[in-house]
Amino acid sequence: MFVSHVLVSLTFVLLTAECSTLRKVQVQPCNSAEDVVHVKEFRTDQCDGLPCTVPFWKRPKFEIDFVAKRASDVLRVAIKGRFFHDDPLTDAPSFETDACNYMGLTCPLTAGKEYTAKSSVQVPWWAIDQKALPTPAEAVFTGTDAGGEIFCFKIPAQLTSKEWIG
């Protein structure tokens, strides 16, 4: 009886912690305000304020609430990252961009309907010199359907070595 009570309590604590970990983050348009017209909200578990402080070894979870610009059978959400100000943007490694199959969306999308894409992204820790940390970084999220771009936004970040349990 005691063990089952402890397990139920632990499950409740873990579920509560999981539900409260994603926090709303203000997005920055890639080029113009038009880039974020269809984005309702962006949430992640690795941001308490801008720039987001992300331990280099973490796998940040995120959710994007957006409104479909038009009816479409596909949606691709791509993430590119930059680890130093003068570095080029590079694709997130091993990131599945097919939002219909990997981010919880049911396609086809209906024009004007709100959706939530959910996923996580691996920071390529193996390519980062820990001696250079902390370092400024940037993540760029784009959503594209068969008709073109739906959204494009940036999140400023700082990669750190905090909490490393290596």
N, C-alpha and C. Protein backbone atom coordinates (compact mmCIF):
# COMPACT_ATOMS: atom_id res chain seq x y z
N MET A 1 0.83 -1.19 0.00
CA MET A 1 0.00 0.00 0.00
C MET A 1 0.88 1.25 0.00
N PHE A 2 1.88 1.28 0.88
CA PHE A 2 2.78 2.43 0.96
C PHE A 2 3.50 2.64 -0.37
N VAL A 3 3.98 1.52 -0.96
CA VAL A 3 4.71 1.62 -2.22
C VAL A 3 3.81 2.18 -3.32
N SER A 4 2.57 1.71 -3.40
CA SER A 4 1.68 2.22 -4.44
C SER A 4 1.36 3.70 -4.22
N HIS A 5 1.23 4.12 -2.95
CA HIS A 5 0.99 5.53 -2.64
C HIS A 5 2.18 6.39 -3.09
N VAL A 6 3.38 5.90 -2.82
CA VAL A 6 4.60 6.61 -3.23
C VAL A 6 4.67 6.70 -4.75
N LEU A 7 4.36 5.60 -5.44
CA LEU A 7 4.40 5.61 -6.91
C LEU A 7 3.38 6.57 -7.50
N VAL A 8 2.18 6.59 -6.94
CA VAL A 8 1.16 7.53 -7.41
C VAL A 8 1.61 8.96 -7.17
N SER A 9 2.17 9.23 -6.00
CA SER A 9 2.66 10.58 -5.69
C SER A 9 3.79 10.99 -6.62
N LEU A 10 4.72 10.07 -6.85
CA LEU A 10 5.86 10.35 -7.73
C LEU A 10 5.37 10.61 -9.16
N THR A 11 4.42 9.81 -9.63
CA THR A 11 3.87 10.01 -10.97
C THR A 11 3.22 11.39 -11.08
N PHE A 12 2.46 11.79 -10.07
CA PHE A 12 1.82 13.11 -10.07
C PHE A 12 2.87 14.22 -10.14
N VAL A 13 3.92 14.09 -9.34
CA VAL A 13 4.98 15.10 -9.33
C VAL A 13 5.65 15.18 -10.69
N LEU A 14 5.96 14.03 -11.29
CA LEU A 14 6.61 14.03 -12.60
C LEU A 14 5.70 14.62 -13.68
N LEU A 15 4.42 14.26 -13.66
CA LEU A 15 3.49 14.82 -14.64
C LEU A 15 3.33 16.32 -14.46
N THR A 16 3.25 16.77 -13.24
CA THR A 16 3.13 18.20 -12.97
C THR A 16 4.38 18.93 -13.45
N ALA A 17 5.55 18.36 -13.16
CA ALA A 17 6.80 18.99 -13.60
C ALA A 17 6.88 19.04 -15.12
N GLU A 18 6.46 17.94 -15.78
CA GLU A 18 6.50 17.89 -17.23
C GLU A 18 5.58 18.93 -17.85
N CYS A 19 4.39 19.09 -17.28
CA CYS A 19 3.41 20.03 -17.83
C CYS A 19 3.85 21.49 -17.64
N SER A 20 4.64 21.74 -16.62
CA SER A 20 4.99 23.13 -16.32
C SER A 20 6.35 23.53 -16.88
N THR A 21 7.02 22.65 -17.61
CA THR A 21 8.37 22.97 -18.05
C THR A 21 8.43 23.85 -19.29
N LEU A 22 7.42 23.82 -20.14
CA LEU A 22 7.47 24.64 -21.35
C LEU A 22 7.02 26.06 -21.03
N ARG A 23 7.84 27.02 -21.46
CA ARG A 23 7.55 28.43 -21.20
C ARG A 23 7.46 29.20 -22.52
N LYS A 24 6.55 30.16 -22.55
CA LYS A 24 6.36 30.98 -23.74
C LYS A 24 7.59 31.85 -23.96
N VAL A 25 7.99 31.95 -25.22
CA VAL A 25 9.14 32.76 -25.62
C VAL A 25 8.70 33.71 -26.73
N GLN A 26 9.09 34.96 -26.63
CA GLN A 26 8.79 35.94 -27.68
C GLN A 26 9.69 35.67 -28.88
N VAL A 27 9.08 35.43 -30.04
CA VAL A 27 9.87 35.14 -31.24
C VAL A 27 10.22 36.43 -31.96
N GLN A 28 11.29 36.37 -32.74
CA GLN A 28 11.73 37.51 -33.55
C GLN A 28 11.59 37.11 -35.02
N PRO A 29 10.94 37.94 -35.85
CA PRO A 29 10.79 37.58 -37.26
C PRO A 29 12.14 37.49 -37.96
N CYS A 30 12.21 36.62 -38.96
CA CYS A 30 13.46 36.48 -39.71
C CYS A 30 13.79 37.74 -40.49
N ASN A 31 12.79 38.28 -41.21
CA ASN A 31 13.03 39.46 -42.04
C ASN A 31 12.04 40.59 -41.78
N SER A 32 10.75 40.24 -41.70
CA SER A 32 9.72 41.26 -41.49
C SER A 32 8.61 40.71 -40.61
N ALA A 33 7.73 41.58 -40.16
CA ALA A 33 6.61 41.18 -39.29
C ALA A 33 5.73 40.13 -39.97
N GLU A 34 5.68 40.14 -41.28
CA GLU A 34 4.89 39.16 -42.04
C GLU A 34 5.34 37.72 -41.75
N ASP A 35 6.61 37.55 -41.39
CA ASP A 35 7.16 36.22 -41.12
C ASP A 35 6.49 35.52 -39.93
N VAL A 36 5.93 36.29 -39.01
CA VAL A 36 5.37 35.69 -37.79
C VAL A 36 3.86 35.90 -37.64
N VAL A 37 3.20 36.38 -38.68
CA VAL A 37 1.76 36.64 -38.62
C VAL A 37 0.99 35.37 -38.24
N HIS A 38 1.41 34.22 -38.73
CA HIS A 38 0.69 32.97 -38.50
C HIS A 38 1.15 32.22 -37.25
N VAL A 39 2.16 32.74 -36.55
CA VAL A 39 2.63 32.11 -35.31
C VAL A 39 1.83 32.68 -34.15
N LYS A 40 1.17 31.81 -33.41
CA LYS A 40 0.40 32.25 -32.24
C LYS A 40 1.26 32.24 -30.99
N GLU A 41 2.09 31.19 -30.84
CA GLU A 41 2.93 31.10 -29.64
C GLU A 41 4.03 30.07 -29.86
N PHE A 42 5.18 30.32 -29.24
CA PHE A 42 6.30 29.37 -29.23
C PHE A 42 6.65 29.11 -27.78
N ARG A 43 6.81 27.83 -27.43
CA ARG A 43 7.18 27.45 -26.06
C ARG A 43 8.35 26.48 -26.11
N THR A 44 9.21 26.58 -25.08
CA THR A 44 10.33 25.65 -24.96
C THR A 44 10.63 25.42 -23.49
N ASP A 45 11.34 24.34 -23.22
CA ASP A 45 11.71 24.03 -21.83
C ASP A 45 13.08 24.59 -21.46
N GLN A 46 13.73 25.30 -22.37
CA GLN A 46 15.09 25.79 -22.12
C GLN A 46 15.19 27.30 -22.20
N CYS A 47 14.19 28.00 -21.66
CA CYS A 47 14.26 29.46 -21.75
C CYS A 47 13.50 30.12 -20.61
N ASP A 48 14.22 30.91 -19.83
CA ASP A 48 13.59 31.71 -18.78
C ASP A 48 13.56 33.18 -19.17
N GLY A 49 14.19 33.53 -20.27
CA GLY A 49 14.26 34.91 -20.76
C GLY A 49 15.24 34.97 -21.92
N LEU A 50 15.14 36.00 -22.72
CA LEU A 50 16.04 36.13 -23.88
C LEU A 50 17.34 36.81 -23.51
N PRO A 51 18.45 36.34 -24.03
CA PRO A 51 18.57 35.14 -24.84
C PRO A 51 18.34 33.88 -24.00
N CYS A 52 17.82 32.84 -24.64
CA CYS A 52 17.60 31.57 -23.93
C CYS A 52 18.96 30.97 -23.57
N THR A 53 19.10 30.53 -22.35
CA THR A 53 20.34 29.89 -21.92
C THR A 53 20.16 28.38 -22.04
N VAL A 54 20.93 27.77 -22.93
CA VAL A 54 20.77 26.35 -23.23
C VAL A 54 22.08 25.62 -22.93
N PRO A 55 22.07 24.68 -21.98
CA PRO A 55 23.25 23.85 -21.78
C PRO A 55 23.54 23.09 -23.09
N PHE A 56 24.79 23.08 -23.52
CA PHE A 56 25.14 22.56 -24.84
C PHE A 56 24.79 21.09 -25.02
N TRP A 57 24.62 20.34 -23.96
CA TRP A 57 24.35 18.91 -24.06
C TRP A 57 22.87 18.58 -23.96
N LYS A 58 22.00 19.59 -23.79
CA LYS A 58 20.56 19.35 -23.65
C LYS A 58 19.90 19.10 -25.01
N ARG A 59 18.71 18.54 -24.96
CA ARG A 59 17.86 18.35 -26.14
C ARG A 59 16.58 19.14 -25.89
N PRO A 60 16.57 20.44 -26.22
CA PRO A 60 15.41 21.28 -25.92
C PRO A 60 14.13 20.80 -26.60
N LYS A 61 13.05 20.77 -25.82
CA LYS A 61 11.72 20.49 -26.35
C LYS A 61 11.09 21.82 -26.74
N PHE A 62 10.22 21.76 -27.75
CA PHE A 62 9.52 22.99 -28.15
C PHE A 62 8.15 22.66 -28.71
N GLU A 63 7.29 23.68 -28.70
CA GLU A 63 5.97 23.62 -29.32
C GLU A 63 5.73 24.92 -30.06
N ILE A 64 5.15 24.82 -31.25
CA ILE A 64 4.82 25.99 -32.05
C ILE A 64 3.32 25.96 -32.34
N ASP A 65 2.59 26.94 -31.83
CA ASP A 65 1.18 27.10 -32.18
C ASP A 65 1.13 28.04 -33.39
N PHE A 66 0.47 27.60 -34.45
CA PHE A 66 0.39 28.41 -35.66
C PHE A 66 -0.96 28.20 -36.34
N VAL A 67 -1.30 29.11 -37.23
CA VAL A 67 -2.52 29.01 -38.03
C VAL A 67 -2.10 28.68 -39.46
N ALA A 68 -2.73 27.64 -40.02
CA ALA A 68 -2.42 27.25 -41.40
C ALA A 68 -2.81 28.38 -42.36
N LYS A 69 -1.87 28.76 -43.17
CA LYS A 69 -2.08 29.86 -44.12
C LYS A 69 -3.02 29.44 -45.26
N ARG A 70 -2.96 28.16 -45.60
CA ARG A 70 -3.77 27.61 -46.70
C ARG A 70 -3.92 26.10 -46.46
N ALA A 71 -4.82 25.47 -47.18
CA ALA A 71 -4.97 24.02 -47.10
C ALA A 71 -3.72 23.37 -47.69
N SER A 72 -3.21 22.34 -47.04
CA SER A 72 -2.00 21.69 -47.53
C SER A 72 -1.91 20.26 -47.00
N ASP A 73 -1.33 19.39 -47.81
CA ASP A 73 -1.11 18.00 -47.40
C ASP A 73 0.19 17.81 -46.63
N VAL A 74 1.05 18.82 -46.63
CA VAL A 74 2.36 18.69 -45.98
C VAL A 74 2.70 19.94 -45.18
N LEU A 75 3.55 19.75 -44.20
CA LEU A 75 4.18 20.87 -43.50
C LEU A 75 5.57 20.42 -43.09
N ARG A 76 6.55 21.20 -43.45
CA ARG A 76 7.94 20.95 -43.06
C ARG A 76 8.35 22.05 -42.10
N VAL A 77 8.84 21.65 -40.93
CA VAL A 77 9.38 22.60 -39.97
C VAL A 77 10.88 22.33 -39.91
N ALA A 78 11.66 23.31 -40.29
CA ALA A 78 13.12 23.16 -40.30
C ALA A 78 13.73 24.05 -39.23
N ILE A 79 14.84 23.59 -38.69
CA ILE A 79 15.58 24.37 -37.70
C ILE A 79 17.02 24.48 -38.16
N LYS A 80 17.51 25.70 -38.17
CA LYS A 80 18.92 25.95 -38.46
C LYS A 80 19.51 26.66 -37.25
N GLY A 81 20.78 26.42 -37.02
CA GLY A 81 21.42 27.04 -35.87
C GLY A 81 22.73 27.71 -36.23
N ARG A 82 23.10 28.67 -35.40
CA ARG A 82 24.37 29.39 -35.54
C ARG A 82 24.96 29.45 -34.13
N PHE A 83 26.23 29.07 -33.99
CA PHE A 83 26.83 29.01 -32.67
C PHE A 83 27.74 30.18 -32.34
N PHE A 84 28.14 30.92 -33.34
CA PHE A 84 28.92 32.14 -33.15
C PHE A 84 28.36 33.16 -34.13
N HIS A 85 28.49 34.44 -33.84
CA HIS A 85 27.86 35.48 -34.66
C HIS A 85 28.21 35.39 -36.14
N ASP A 86 29.45 35.03 -36.47
CA ASP A 86 29.85 35.03 -37.88
C ASP A 86 29.73 33.66 -38.54
N ASP A 87 29.26 32.65 -37.81
CA ASP A 87 29.08 31.32 -38.39
C ASP A 87 27.87 31.31 -39.33
N PRO A 88 27.92 30.48 -40.37
CA PRO A 88 26.73 30.33 -41.21
C PRO A 88 25.67 29.51 -40.47
N LEU A 89 24.42 29.67 -40.86
CA LEU A 89 23.36 28.83 -40.31
C LEU A 89 23.51 27.42 -40.86
N THR A 90 23.38 26.42 -39.99
CA THR A 90 23.47 25.03 -40.42
C THR A 90 22.25 24.27 -39.92
N ASP A 91 21.85 23.25 -40.68
CA ASP A 91 20.69 22.43 -40.31
C ASP A 91 20.94 21.70 -39.00
N ALA A 92 19.88 21.58 -38.21
CA ALA A 92 19.96 20.79 -36.98
C ALA A 92 20.18 19.33 -37.38
N PRO A 93 21.16 18.66 -36.77
CA PRO A 93 21.47 17.29 -37.15
C PRO A 93 20.35 16.32 -36.79
N SER A 94 20.06 15.41 -37.70
CA SER A 94 19.08 14.33 -37.49
C SER A 94 17.70 14.83 -37.08
N PHE A 95 17.33 16.03 -37.50
CA PHE A 95 16.02 16.57 -37.15
C PHE A 95 15.02 16.20 -38.23
N GLU A 96 13.93 15.55 -37.83
CA GLU A 96 12.86 15.16 -38.76
C GLU A 96 11.98 16.37 -39.05
N THR A 97 11.98 16.85 -40.27
CA THR A 97 11.25 18.07 -40.62
C THR A 97 9.78 17.83 -40.97
N ASP A 98 9.38 16.59 -41.18
CA ASP A 98 8.01 16.27 -41.58
C ASP A 98 7.08 16.40 -40.37
N ALA A 99 6.42 17.55 -40.26
CA ALA A 99 5.57 17.82 -39.10
C ALA A 99 4.33 16.93 -39.06
N CYS A 100 3.89 16.46 -40.22
CA CYS A 100 2.70 15.60 -40.26
C CYS A 100 2.98 14.22 -39.66
N ASN A 101 4.19 13.74 -39.79
CA ASN A 101 4.53 12.41 -39.28
C ASN A 101 5.34 12.41 -37.99
N TYR A 102 6.03 13.51 -37.68
CA TYR A 102 6.93 13.49 -36.53
C TYR A 102 6.65 14.55 -35.47
N MET A 103 5.66 15.42 -35.68
CA MET A 103 5.42 16.50 -34.72
C MET A 103 3.98 16.56 -34.23
N GLY A 104 3.26 15.46 -34.42
CA GLY A 104 1.92 15.38 -33.86
C GLY A 104 0.81 16.06 -34.65
N LEU A 105 1.09 16.48 -35.87
CA LEU A 105 0.05 17.11 -36.68
C LEU A 105 -0.72 16.07 -37.48
N THR A 106 -1.99 16.34 -37.71
CA THR A 106 -2.81 15.51 -38.57
C THR A 106 -2.99 16.27 -39.88
N CYS A 107 -2.48 15.70 -40.94
CA CYS A 107 -2.58 16.35 -42.25
C CYS A 107 -3.62 15.62 -43.07
N PRO A 108 -4.32 16.29 -43.99
CA PRO A 108 -4.03 17.62 -44.50
C PRO A 108 -4.41 18.72 -43.51
N LEU A 109 -3.72 19.85 -43.66
CA LEU A 109 -4.01 21.03 -42.85
C LEU A 109 -5.17 21.80 -43.50
N THR A 110 -5.99 22.40 -42.65
CA THR A 110 -7.13 23.20 -43.11
C THR A 110 -6.78 24.68 -42.97
N ALA A 111 -6.98 25.44 -44.03
CA ALA A 111 -6.68 26.88 -44.00
C ALA A 111 -7.43 27.56 -42.87
N GLY A 112 -6.71 28.39 -42.10
CA GLY A 112 -7.32 29.16 -41.01
C GLY A 112 -7.44 28.41 -39.69
N LYS A 113 -7.13 27.14 -39.67
CA LYS A 113 -7.23 26.34 -38.44
C LYS A 113 -5.91 26.42 -37.67
N GLU A 114 -6.01 26.43 -36.32
CA GLU A 114 -4.80 26.49 -35.48
C GLU A 114 -4.29 25.08 -35.19
N TYR A 115 -2.96 24.93 -35.24
CA TYR A 115 -2.29 23.66 -34.99
C TYR A 115 -1.14 23.86 -34.02
N THR A 116 -0.67 22.76 -33.43
CA THR A 116 0.50 22.79 -32.56
C THR A 116 1.48 21.72 -33.02
N ALA A 117 2.67 22.14 -33.43
CA ALA A 117 3.75 21.21 -33.77
C ALA A 117 4.62 21.05 -32.54
N LYS A 118 4.93 19.79 -32.17
CA LYS A 118 5.73 19.50 -30.97
C LYS A 118 6.92 18.64 -31.35
N SER A 119 8.09 19.00 -30.83
CA SER A 119 9.28 18.21 -31.10
C SER A 119 10.39 18.60 -30.13
N SER A 120 11.57 18.09 -30.41
CA SER A 120 12.78 18.47 -29.68
C SER A 120 13.92 18.47 -30.69
N VAL A 121 15.00 19.13 -30.31
CA VAL A 121 16.13 19.24 -31.23
C VAL A 121 17.42 18.96 -30.48
N GLN A 122 18.32 18.23 -31.11
CA GLN A 122 19.61 17.92 -30.50
C GLN A 122 20.61 19.03 -30.81
N VAL A 123 21.14 19.64 -29.77
CA VAL A 123 22.23 20.59 -29.95
C VAL A 123 23.47 19.74 -30.28
N PRO A 124 24.17 20.03 -31.37
CA PRO A 124 25.32 19.19 -31.74
C PRO A 124 26.52 19.40 -30.82
N TRP A 125 26.41 18.87 -29.61
CA TRP A 125 27.42 19.07 -28.57
C TRP A 125 28.79 18.58 -28.99
N TRP A 126 28.84 17.57 -29.83
CA TRP A 126 30.12 17.00 -30.26
C TRP A 126 30.92 17.96 -31.13
N ALA A 127 30.25 18.99 -31.68
CA ALA A 127 30.93 19.94 -32.56
C ALA A 127 31.27 21.24 -31.84
N ILE A 128 31.05 21.29 -30.53
CA ILE A 128 31.26 22.53 -29.79
C ILE A 128 32.46 22.40 -28.87
N ASP A 129 33.36 23.35 -28.98
CA ASP A 129 34.52 23.41 -28.09
C ASP A 129 34.06 23.95 -26.74
N GLN A 130 34.07 23.11 -25.72
CA GLN A 130 33.59 23.53 -24.40
C GLN A 130 34.37 24.71 -23.83
N LYS A 131 35.61 24.87 -24.26
CA LYS A 131 36.41 26.00 -23.77
C LYS A 131 35.87 27.34 -24.28
N ALA A 132 35.09 27.30 -25.36
CA ALA A 132 34.53 28.53 -25.94
C ALA A 132 33.20 28.93 -25.28
N LEU A 133 32.73 28.10 -24.36
CA LEU A 133 31.44 28.38 -23.71
C LEU A 133 31.61 29.31 -22.53
N PRO A 134 30.65 30.17 -22.23
CA PRO A 134 29.40 30.34 -22.97
C PRO A 134 29.63 31.07 -24.29
N THR A 135 28.75 30.80 -25.25
CA THR A 135 28.86 31.44 -26.55
C THR A 135 27.47 31.84 -27.06
N PRO A 136 27.37 32.98 -27.74
CA PRO A 136 26.08 33.35 -28.31
C PRO A 136 25.67 32.37 -29.41
N ALA A 137 24.38 32.15 -29.54
CA ALA A 137 23.86 31.24 -30.55
C ALA A 137 22.52 31.78 -31.04
N GLU A 138 22.01 31.15 -32.07
CA GLU A 138 20.72 31.56 -32.61
C GLU A 138 20.06 30.34 -33.25
N ALA A 139 18.76 30.18 -33.05
CA ALA A 139 18.00 29.13 -33.71
C ALA A 139 16.98 29.80 -34.62
N VAL A 140 16.88 29.31 -35.85
CA VAL A 140 15.94 29.85 -36.83
C VAL A 140 14.96 28.73 -37.20
N PHE A 141 13.68 28.98 -37.00
CA PHE A 141 12.62 28.02 -37.28
C PHE A 141 11.84 28.48 -38.51
N THR A 142 11.66 27.58 -39.48
CA THR A 142 10.84 27.90 -40.65
C THR A 142 9.78 26.81 -40.83
N GLY A 143 8.60 27.23 -41.22
CA GLY A 143 7.51 26.31 -41.53
C GLY A 143 7.11 26.52 -42.97
N THR A 144 7.15 25.45 -43.76
CA THR A 144 6.87 25.53 -45.19
C THR A 144 5.86 24.45 -45.58
N ASP A 145 4.85 24.84 -46.34
CA ASP A 145 3.92 23.85 -46.87
C ASP A 145 4.08 23.80 -48.39
N ALA A 146 3.18 23.10 -49.07
CA ALA A 146 3.30 22.95 -50.53
C ALA A 146 3.23 24.29 -51.26
N GLY A 147 2.61 25.30 -50.65
CA GLY A 147 2.47 26.60 -51.29
C GLY A 147 3.57 27.60 -50.95
N GLY A 148 4.46 27.24 -50.05
CA GLY A 148 5.55 28.14 -49.67
C GLY A 148 5.66 28.31 -48.16
N GLU A 149 6.32 29.38 -47.77
CA GLU A 149 6.61 29.61 -46.36
C GLU A 149 5.37 30.08 -45.59
N ILE A 150 5.18 29.52 -44.39
CA ILE A 150 4.10 29.93 -43.49
C ILE A 150 4.66 30.83 -42.40
N PHE A 151 5.83 30.45 -41.87
CA PHE A 151 6.44 31.27 -40.82
C PHE A 151 7.95 31.13 -40.85
N CYS A 152 8.61 32.13 -40.29
CA CYS A 152 10.06 32.12 -40.11
C CYS A 152 10.36 33.02 -38.92
N PHE A 153 10.99 32.43 -37.89
CA PHE A 153 11.34 33.24 -36.72
C PHE A 153 12.65 32.79 -36.11
N LYS A 154 13.22 33.70 -35.32
CA LYS A 154 14.52 33.46 -34.68
C LYS A 154 14.35 33.50 -33.17
N ILE A 155 15.20 32.73 -32.50
CA ILE A 155 15.28 32.75 -31.05
C ILE A 155 16.75 32.95 -30.69
N PRO A 156 17.10 34.08 -30.07
CA PRO A 156 18.48 34.26 -29.63
C PRO A 156 18.76 33.36 -28.42
N ALA A 157 19.97 32.84 -28.37
CA ALA A 157 20.32 31.92 -27.29
C ALA A 157 21.77 32.10 -26.88
N GLN A 158 22.10 31.45 -25.80
CA GLN A 158 23.49 31.37 -25.36
C GLN A 158 23.72 29.93 -24.92
N LEU A 159 24.70 29.29 -25.55
CA LEU A 159 25.06 27.93 -25.15
C LEU A 159 26.00 28.01 -23.96
N THR A 160 25.72 27.19 -22.96
CA THR A 160 26.54 27.18 -21.75
C THR A 160 26.95 25.75 -21.44
N SER A 161 27.84 25.63 -20.47
CA SER A 161 28.24 24.30 -20.00
C SER A 161 27.61 24.00 -18.66
N LYS A 162 26.68 24.85 -18.18
CA LYS A 162 26.10 24.66 -16.85
C LYS A 162 25.39 23.31 -16.74
N GLU A 163 25.43 22.77 -15.56
CA GLU A 163 24.78 21.51 -15.22
C GLU A 163 25.36 20.30 -15.94
N TRP A 164 26.52 20.38 -16.50
CA TRP A 164 27.10 19.23 -17.20
C TRP A 164 27.33 18.10 -16.22
N ILE A 165 26.83 16.91 -16.57
CA ILE A 165 26.98 15.75 -15.70
C ILE A 165 27.82 14.71 -16.41
N GLY A 166 28.82 15.16 -17.15
CA GLY A 166 29.61 14.28 -17.98
C GLY A 166 30.39 13.32 -17.22
